[in-house]
N, C-alpha and C. Protein backbone atom coordinates (compact mmCIF):
# COMPACT_ATOMS: atom_id res chain seq x y z
N MET A 1 1.02 -1.20 -0.04
CA MET A 1 -0.51 0.27 0.38
C MET A 1 0.64 1.38 -0.04
N ARG A 2 1.93 1.28 0.87
CA ARG A 2 2.65 2.18 0.41
C ARG A 2 3.26 2.80 -0.37
N THR A 3 3.40 1.55 -1.27
CA THR A 3 4.22 2.04 -2.95
C THR A 3 3.97 2.45 -3.99
N HIS A 4 2.29 2.70 -3.58
CA HIS A 4 1.28 2.80 -4.47
C HIS A 4 0.59 4.69 -3.74
N HIS A 5 0.91 5.12 -2.99
CA HIS A 5 1.02 6.32 -1.75
C HIS A 5 2.38 7.03 -2.92
N ALA A 6 3.49 6.11 -2.35
CA ALA A 6 4.96 6.66 -2.68
C ALA A 6 4.86 6.72 -4.47
N ILE A 7 4.31 6.33 -5.20
CA ILE A 7 4.18 6.39 -6.48
C ILE A 7 3.24 7.83 -6.84
N ALA A 8 2.05 7.23 -6.45
CA ALA A 8 1.47 8.72 -6.94
C ALA A 8 2.01 9.91 -6.39
N LEU A 9 3.05 10.47 -5.51
CA LEU A 9 3.59 11.40 -4.76
C LEU A 9 4.81 12.33 -5.94
N LEU A 10 5.25 10.02 -6.28
CA LEU A 10 6.08 10.80 -7.22
C LEU A 10 5.70 11.10 -8.74
N ALA A 11 4.67 10.78 -9.21
CA ALA A 11 3.74 11.48 -10.09
C ALA A 11 3.40 12.62 -9.51
N ALA A 12 2.50 13.15 -8.88
CA ALA A 12 2.05 14.30 -8.61
C ALA A 12 3.03 15.22 -8.78
N ALA A 13 4.70 14.42 -7.98
CA ALA A 13 5.64 16.32 -7.81
C ALA A 13 6.08 16.15 -9.86
N GLY A 14 6.15 14.82 -10.47
CA GLY A 14 6.94 15.39 -11.84
C GLY A 14 5.83 16.18 -12.83
N CYS A 15 4.57 16.29 -11.88
CA CYS A 15 2.85 17.07 -13.04
C CYS A 15 3.84 18.27 -12.65
N LEU A 16 4.00 18.75 -11.17
CA LEU A 16 4.35 19.90 -10.84
C LEU A 16 5.51 20.63 -11.72
N GLY A 17 6.21 20.01 -11.51
CA GLY A 17 7.51 19.91 -11.85
C GLY A 17 6.82 20.41 -13.60
N LEU A 18 6.23 19.46 -13.84
CA LEU A 18 6.59 19.87 -15.62
C LEU A 18 5.86 21.11 -15.91
N THR A 19 4.66 21.42 -14.81
CA THR A 19 3.48 23.14 -15.78
C THR A 19 4.27 23.87 -14.41
N GLY A 20 4.54 23.91 -14.08
CA GLY A 20 5.68 24.81 -13.05
C GLY A 20 6.21 25.91 -13.91
N CYS A 21 6.78 25.55 -15.11
CA CYS A 21 7.33 26.23 -16.27
C CYS A 21 7.07 26.62 -16.94
N ASP A 22 5.07 26.55 -17.15
CA ASP A 22 4.43 27.28 -17.85
C ASP A 22 3.21 27.89 -17.24
N PRO A 23 3.78 29.54 -17.77
CA PRO A 23 2.61 29.30 -16.83
C PRO A 23 0.94 29.21 -16.75
N GLN A 24 0.54 29.28 -18.51
CA GLN A 24 -0.67 28.27 -18.88
C GLN A 24 -0.93 27.54 -18.04
N ALA A 25 -0.04 26.76 -18.53
CA ALA A 25 -0.44 25.01 -17.66
C ALA A 25 -0.87 25.45 -16.47
N ALA A 26 0.05 26.29 -15.16
CA ALA A 26 0.09 26.28 -14.53
C ALA A 26 -1.30 26.51 -14.09
N GLY A 27 -1.71 27.98 -14.93
CA GLY A 27 -2.89 29.05 -14.92
C GLY A 27 -3.25 29.89 -13.59
N SER A 28 -1.68 30.30 -12.92
CA SER A 28 -1.18 31.31 -12.14
C SER A 28 -1.25 32.00 -12.82
N GLY A 29 -0.41 32.41 -14.53
CA GLY A 29 -0.10 33.67 -14.95
C GLY A 29 1.32 34.36 -14.68
N THR A 30 1.76 34.05 -13.73
CA THR A 30 3.26 34.60 -14.02
C THR A 30 3.91 33.01 -13.21
N SER A 31 5.04 33.33 -13.60
CA SER A 31 6.51 32.35 -13.76
C SER A 31 6.90 33.33 -13.20
N THR A 32 8.17 32.21 -11.97
CA THR A 32 9.89 33.05 -11.51
C THR A 32 11.12 32.93 -12.91
N SER A 33 10.53 31.72 -13.89
CA SER A 33 11.26 31.89 -14.42
C SER A 33 11.30 32.96 -15.79
N PRO A 34 11.75 32.58 -16.94
CA PRO A 34 11.46 33.36 -18.46
C PRO A 34 10.64 32.23 -19.23
N VAL A 35 9.84 32.32 -20.04
CA VAL A 35 10.05 30.63 -20.33
C VAL A 35 10.79 31.46 -22.25
N PRO A 36 11.56 29.75 -22.75
CA PRO A 36 12.50 30.83 -23.13
C PRO A 36 11.85 31.20 -24.51
N GLY A 37 12.56 32.38 -25.42
CA GLY A 37 12.03 33.18 -26.40
C GLY A 37 10.86 34.39 -26.43
N SER A 38 10.82 33.54 -25.31
CA SER A 38 9.93 34.90 -24.75
C SER A 38 10.29 36.69 -23.97
N PRO A 39 10.17 37.70 -24.34
CA PRO A 39 10.02 38.83 -23.99
C PRO A 39 11.17 38.99 -22.72
N SER A 40 10.83 38.55 -22.00
CA SER A 40 11.56 38.46 -20.12
C SER A 40 11.86 36.83 -20.56
N ALA A 41 12.90 36.38 -21.91
CA ALA A 41 13.39 35.39 -20.98
C ALA A 41 14.94 36.09 -22.04
N THR A 42 14.41 37.06 -23.29
CA THR A 42 15.67 38.15 -23.63
C THR A 42 15.45 39.07 -22.95
N THR A 43 15.24 39.70 -22.12
CA THR A 43 15.84 40.75 -21.10
C THR A 43 16.64 40.10 -20.39
N ALA A 44 16.18 39.16 -20.25
CA ALA A 44 17.46 38.68 -18.68
C ALA A 44 18.10 37.82 -19.18
N ALA A 45 17.96 37.87 -20.69
CA ALA A 45 19.57 36.44 -20.74
C ALA A 45 20.46 38.00 -21.28
N THR A 46 20.11 39.43 -22.09
CA THR A 46 20.93 39.97 -22.06
C THR A 46 21.66 41.17 -21.04
N LEU A 47 20.64 41.68 -20.25
CA LEU A 47 21.29 41.83 -18.82
C LEU A 47 22.11 40.86 -17.48
N ALA A 48 23.40 41.96 -16.95
CA ALA A 48 24.13 41.00 -16.22
C ALA A 48 23.64 40.94 -15.12
N PRO A 49 23.74 39.42 -13.46
CA PRO A 49 22.80 39.42 -13.77
C PRO A 49 23.28 40.16 -12.59
N ALA A 50 24.41 40.54 -12.05
CA ALA A 50 23.92 41.97 -10.43
C ALA A 50 23.94 42.58 -10.25
N THR A 51 24.12 43.59 -12.23
CA THR A 51 24.04 44.43 -11.57
C THR A 51 22.76 45.25 -12.57
N GLY A 52 22.42 43.87 -13.60
CA GLY A 52 21.07 44.79 -13.91
C GLY A 52 21.91 45.37 -15.54
N ALA A 53 22.78 45.60 -15.19
CA ALA A 53 23.32 46.02 -16.82
C ALA A 53 23.53 45.01 -17.90
N PRO A 54 22.68 46.51 -19.15
CA PRO A 54 23.70 45.25 -21.10
C PRO A 54 24.47 44.57 -20.78
N LEU A 55 25.12 43.54 -21.00
CA LEU A 55 25.50 42.71 -21.44
C LEU A 55 26.21 42.94 -22.89
N PRO A 56 27.18 43.46 -22.59
CA PRO A 56 28.10 43.44 -24.12
C PRO A 56 28.15 42.83 -25.13
N PRO A 57 27.93 42.72 -25.95
CA PRO A 57 27.13 41.72 -27.76
C PRO A 57 28.81 40.89 -28.05
N LYS A 58 27.51 39.74 -27.92
CA LYS A 58 28.66 38.50 -28.30
C LYS A 58 29.05 38.60 -29.49
N ALA A 59 30.74 38.02 -30.22
CA ALA A 59 30.88 38.01 -31.48
C ALA A 59 31.06 37.40 -31.98
N GLY A 60 31.17 37.85 -32.89
CA GLY A 60 30.27 36.73 -34.34
C GLY A 60 30.81 35.39 -34.07
N LYS A 61 30.23 34.40 -35.38
CA LYS A 61 31.07 33.05 -35.78
C LYS A 61 32.73 33.22 -35.77
N PRO A 62 33.72 32.88 -35.20
CA PRO A 62 34.60 32.63 -35.26
C PRO A 62 35.45 32.36 -36.72
N ALA A 63 36.61 32.93 -36.76
CA ALA A 63 36.73 32.78 -39.12
C ALA A 63 36.87 31.67 -39.35
N ALA A 64 36.80 31.27 -41.00
CA ALA A 64 37.31 30.00 -40.96
C ALA A 64 38.47 30.18 -41.33
N ALA A 65 38.89 28.35 -41.32
CA ALA A 65 40.14 29.02 -41.37
C ALA A 65 40.30 28.35 -43.05
N VAL A 66 41.60 28.80 -43.09
CA VAL A 66 41.51 27.77 -45.01
C VAL A 66 43.40 26.29 -45.15
N ALA A 67 42.37 26.08 -45.83
CA ALA A 67 43.24 24.59 -45.91
C ALA A 67 42.94 24.66 -47.53
N THR A 68 43.94 23.03 -47.90
CA THR A 68 44.52 22.79 -49.39
C THR A 68 43.05 22.09 -48.93
N VAL A 69 42.65 21.37 -49.99
CA VAL A 69 41.61 21.40 -51.23
C VAL A 69 42.42 20.06 -51.87
N PRO A 70 41.71 18.77 -50.75
CA PRO A 70 42.88 17.81 -51.05
C PRO A 70 41.68 16.55 -52.66
N ASP A 71 43.04 15.98 -53.48
CA ASP A 71 42.10 15.08 -53.91
C ASP A 71 41.58 14.08 -53.86
N PHE A 72 39.74 14.16 -54.61
CA PHE A 72 38.92 12.78 -53.76
C PHE A 72 38.84 12.68 -55.30
N VAL A 73 39.49 12.74 -56.60
CA VAL A 73 39.00 11.71 -57.52
C VAL A 73 39.24 10.64 -58.41
N GLY A 74 38.38 9.26 -58.54
CA GLY A 74 38.43 8.01 -57.78
C GLY A 74 38.13 7.43 -56.88
N ARG A 75 37.74 8.03 -55.93
CA ARG A 75 37.98 7.23 -54.56
C ARG A 75 36.16 7.76 -54.12
N VAL A 76 35.77 6.46 -53.57
CA VAL A 76 34.77 6.62 -53.36
C VAL A 76 34.05 7.65 -52.67
N LEU A 77 32.59 7.64 -53.03
CA LEU A 77 31.83 8.88 -52.33
C LEU A 77 31.87 8.72 -50.98
N GLN A 78 31.62 7.91 -50.34
CA GLN A 78 31.82 7.80 -48.61
C GLN A 78 33.33 8.00 -48.36
N ASP A 79 34.13 7.20 -48.66
CA ASP A 79 35.86 7.59 -48.43
C ASP A 79 36.75 9.49 -48.97
N ALA A 80 35.49 9.90 -50.28
CA ALA A 80 35.94 11.25 -49.94
C ALA A 80 35.36 12.29 -49.01
N GLN A 81 34.07 11.92 -48.25
CA GLN A 81 33.10 12.87 -47.59
C GLN A 81 33.71 12.83 -46.62
N ASP A 82 34.53 11.73 -46.37
CA ASP A 82 35.26 11.29 -43.93
C ASP A 82 36.56 12.18 -44.72
N GLY A 83 36.90 11.97 -45.53
CA GLY A 83 38.43 12.45 -45.72
C GLY A 83 38.33 13.91 -46.40
N ALA A 84 37.34 14.34 -46.84
CA ALA A 84 36.85 16.10 -46.48
C ALA A 84 36.23 16.59 -45.09
N GLN A 85 35.52 15.83 -44.31
CA GLN A 85 35.66 16.21 -43.20
C GLN A 85 36.99 16.19 -42.54
N ALA A 86 38.07 15.02 -42.33
CA ALA A 86 39.20 15.10 -42.07
C ALA A 86 40.25 16.61 -41.86
N ALA A 87 39.53 16.45 -43.29
CA ALA A 87 40.94 18.01 -43.54
C ALA A 87 39.59 19.00 -43.17
N GLY A 88 39.10 19.14 -42.84
CA GLY A 88 38.24 20.40 -42.54
C GLY A 88 36.71 20.82 -43.08
N PHE A 89 36.28 19.92 -44.12
CA PHE A 89 34.98 20.61 -45.01
C PHE A 89 34.36 19.87 -44.45
N TYR A 90 33.22 20.37 -44.00
CA TYR A 90 31.28 20.02 -43.58
C TYR A 90 30.99 20.33 -43.99
N VAL A 91 30.70 21.04 -44.83
CA VAL A 91 29.92 21.48 -46.79
C VAL A 91 29.82 20.66 -47.76
N LEU A 92 29.20 19.29 -47.93
CA LEU A 92 29.60 18.78 -48.97
C LEU A 92 28.00 18.68 -49.41
N SER A 93 28.30 18.26 -51.21
CA SER A 93 27.46 17.83 -51.66
C SER A 93 27.45 17.12 -53.12
N SER A 94 26.82 16.41 -53.49
CA SER A 94 27.30 15.43 -54.75
C SER A 94 25.75 15.60 -55.80
N HIS A 95 26.66 14.85 -56.20
CA HIS A 95 25.95 15.00 -57.76
C HIS A 95 25.33 14.33 -59.32
N ASP A 96 25.26 13.56 -59.33
CA ASP A 96 24.87 12.66 -61.01
C ASP A 96 26.07 13.94 -61.76
N SER A 97 26.74 12.68 -62.59
CA SER A 97 28.05 13.81 -63.65
C SER A 97 27.13 12.94 -64.62
N LEU A 98 26.26 11.59 -64.72
CA LEU A 98 26.36 11.18 -66.09
C LEU A 98 24.51 12.08 -65.85
N GLY A 99 24.30 13.56 -65.24
CA GLY A 99 22.86 13.29 -66.02
C GLY A 99 21.55 13.20 -65.91
N LYS A 100 21.25 12.02 -64.77
CA LYS A 100 20.52 11.11 -64.67
C LYS A 100 19.88 11.51 -63.50
N ASN A 101 20.09 12.22 -62.74
CA ASN A 101 19.45 12.77 -61.24
C ASN A 101 19.04 12.45 -60.19
N ARG A 102 19.69 11.03 -60.47
CA ARG A 102 19.74 10.62 -58.97
C ARG A 102 20.24 10.70 -58.52
N ASN A 103 20.12 10.22 -57.09
CA ASN A 103 20.40 10.24 -55.34
C ASN A 103 21.35 9.60 -55.89
N GLN A 104 22.47 10.60 -54.75
CA GLN A 104 23.63 8.92 -53.59
C GLN A 104 22.72 8.70 -52.83
N VAL A 105 22.94 7.59 -52.62
CA VAL A 105 21.16 6.77 -51.72
C VAL A 105 22.50 6.44 -50.51
N LEU A 106 23.16 5.37 -51.32
CA LEU A 106 24.46 4.63 -50.80
C LEU A 106 25.59 5.00 -51.37
N ASP A 107 26.03 5.70 -50.55
CA ASP A 107 27.83 6.52 -50.73
C ASP A 107 28.58 5.54 -51.08
N ARG A 108 28.65 4.55 -50.56
CA ARG A 108 29.43 3.15 -50.86
C ARG A 108 29.24 2.59 -51.98
N ASN A 109 28.28 3.72 -53.04
CA ASN A 109 27.65 2.84 -54.43
C ASN A 109 28.36 3.67 -54.90
N TRP A 110 29.19 4.79 -55.19
CA TRP A 110 28.96 6.00 -56.19
C TRP A 110 30.78 6.31 -55.35
N LYS A 111 31.07 6.77 -56.86
CA LYS A 111 32.72 7.71 -57.22
C LYS A 111 32.87 8.81 -57.25
N VAL A 112 33.80 8.70 -57.14
CA VAL A 112 33.58 11.05 -57.26
C VAL A 112 34.51 10.52 -58.83
N CYS A 113 33.42 11.04 -59.79
CA CYS A 113 34.65 11.44 -61.17
C CYS A 113 35.40 13.12 -60.49
N THR A 114 34.11 13.94 -60.57
CA THR A 114 35.43 15.78 -60.66
C THR A 114 34.82 15.88 -58.94
N GLN A 115 35.65 16.77 -58.52
CA GLN A 115 35.30 17.60 -57.78
C GLN A 115 35.20 19.73 -57.41
N THR A 116 34.24 20.31 -56.86
CA THR A 116 34.85 21.49 -57.04
C THR A 116 34.82 22.23 -55.62
N PRO A 117 35.78 22.70 -54.77
CA PRO A 117 36.66 23.56 -55.77
C PRO A 117 37.62 22.10 -56.40
N ALA A 118 38.43 22.26 -57.02
CA ALA A 118 39.97 21.50 -57.58
C ALA A 118 40.68 21.22 -56.04
N PRO A 119 41.43 20.07 -57.21
CA PRO A 119 42.35 19.53 -55.98
C PRO A 119 43.43 20.68 -55.94
N GLY A 120 43.86 21.03 -55.01
CA GLY A 120 45.06 21.96 -53.72
C GLY A 120 44.75 23.39 -54.58
N ALA A 121 43.52 23.42 -54.67
CA ALA A 121 43.23 24.77 -53.94
C ALA A 121 43.10 25.00 -52.69
N ALA A 122 43.40 26.53 -52.43
CA ALA A 122 43.95 27.11 -51.39
C ALA A 122 42.60 27.57 -50.45
N THR A 123 41.59 27.71 -49.37
CA THR A 123 40.03 27.66 -49.96
C THR A 123 38.98 28.02 -48.11
N SER A 124 38.88 28.43 -48.00
CA SER A 124 37.97 29.01 -46.72
C SER A 124 37.64 27.67 -45.94
N THR A 125 37.31 26.56 -45.15
CA THR A 125 36.65 25.14 -44.95
C THR A 125 35.31 25.75 -44.39
N ASP A 126 34.68 26.58 -44.57
CA ASP A 126 33.71 27.24 -44.91
C ASP A 126 32.47 26.99 -46.49
N THR A 127 33.92 26.46 -47.46
CA THR A 127 33.63 25.98 -49.17
C THR A 127 32.38 25.37 -48.86
N LYS A 128 31.80 25.20 -50.14
CA LYS A 128 31.48 23.99 -49.85
C LYS A 128 31.76 23.20 -51.25
N ILE A 129 32.00 21.38 -50.82
CA ILE A 129 33.20 20.98 -51.83
C ILE A 129 31.81 19.86 -52.64
N ASP A 130 31.00 20.06 -53.90
CA ASP A 130 31.17 19.13 -54.82
C ASP A 130 31.53 18.04 -55.62
N PHE A 131 30.97 16.64 -55.29
CA PHE A 131 31.17 16.16 -56.09
C PHE A 131 30.27 15.27 -56.95
N GLY A 132 31.09 15.52 -58.18
CA GLY A 132 30.56 14.58 -59.45
C GLY A 132 30.72 13.45 -59.17
N THR A 133 29.67 12.46 -59.66
CA THR A 133 30.14 10.71 -59.09
C THR A 133 28.78 10.18 -60.32
N VAL A 134 29.32 9.45 -60.36
CA VAL A 134 29.02 7.96 -60.75
C VAL A 134 28.54 6.44 -60.68
N LYS A 135 27.71 5.86 -60.52
CA LYS A 135 27.73 4.57 -59.41
C LYS A 135 29.19 3.61 -60.59
N ASN A 136 29.70 2.55 -59.17
CA ASN A 136 30.55 2.56 -59.21
C ASN A 136 31.33 1.74 -60.10
N GLU A 137 30.88 0.99 -60.99
CA GLU A 137 30.66 -0.14 -62.15
C GLU A 137 30.42 0.90 -63.26
N GLU A 138 30.20 2.45 -62.84
CA GLU A 138 30.00 2.59 -64.31
C GLU A 138 31.25 4.30 -64.73
N SER A 139 31.80 3.84 -66.23
CA SER A 139 32.32 4.72 -66.45
C SER A 139 32.57 6.55 -66.74
N CYS A 140 33.58 7.04 -65.36
CA CYS A 140 33.37 9.42 -65.67
C CYS A 140 33.22 9.43 -67.01
N PRO A 141 32.08 10.59 -66.96
CA PRO A 141 32.27 10.84 -68.48
C PRO A 141 33.06 11.50 -69.16
């Protein structure tokens, strides 16, 4: 019998914990912490805790590094993608070099015929690398 009471108390506490963050769910119309995305959340996030003074603006995203694009031509698409990521390039795309508009669903079944930017190019790691591909058993155009 005590087990049932303990479970009921835990369930009630869980419900209170869940509705305590949402003023509409609690029905009180007030909240002790701002709801993310609300004006009070934005205000609280931009004020210093002790003084209430505005915080300095956050610095932007750090500049991307410059790296040399490796040569992926002739490699299996999956290996080329892994190699590009290892070199610091994460913005990747691929397309069907034969113009058949086929999707490269299983990357291990495709090989790289061309790449943009060209191998050896020094470029930002934010640059997109696009692989022109054909199925492994096909010849590159």
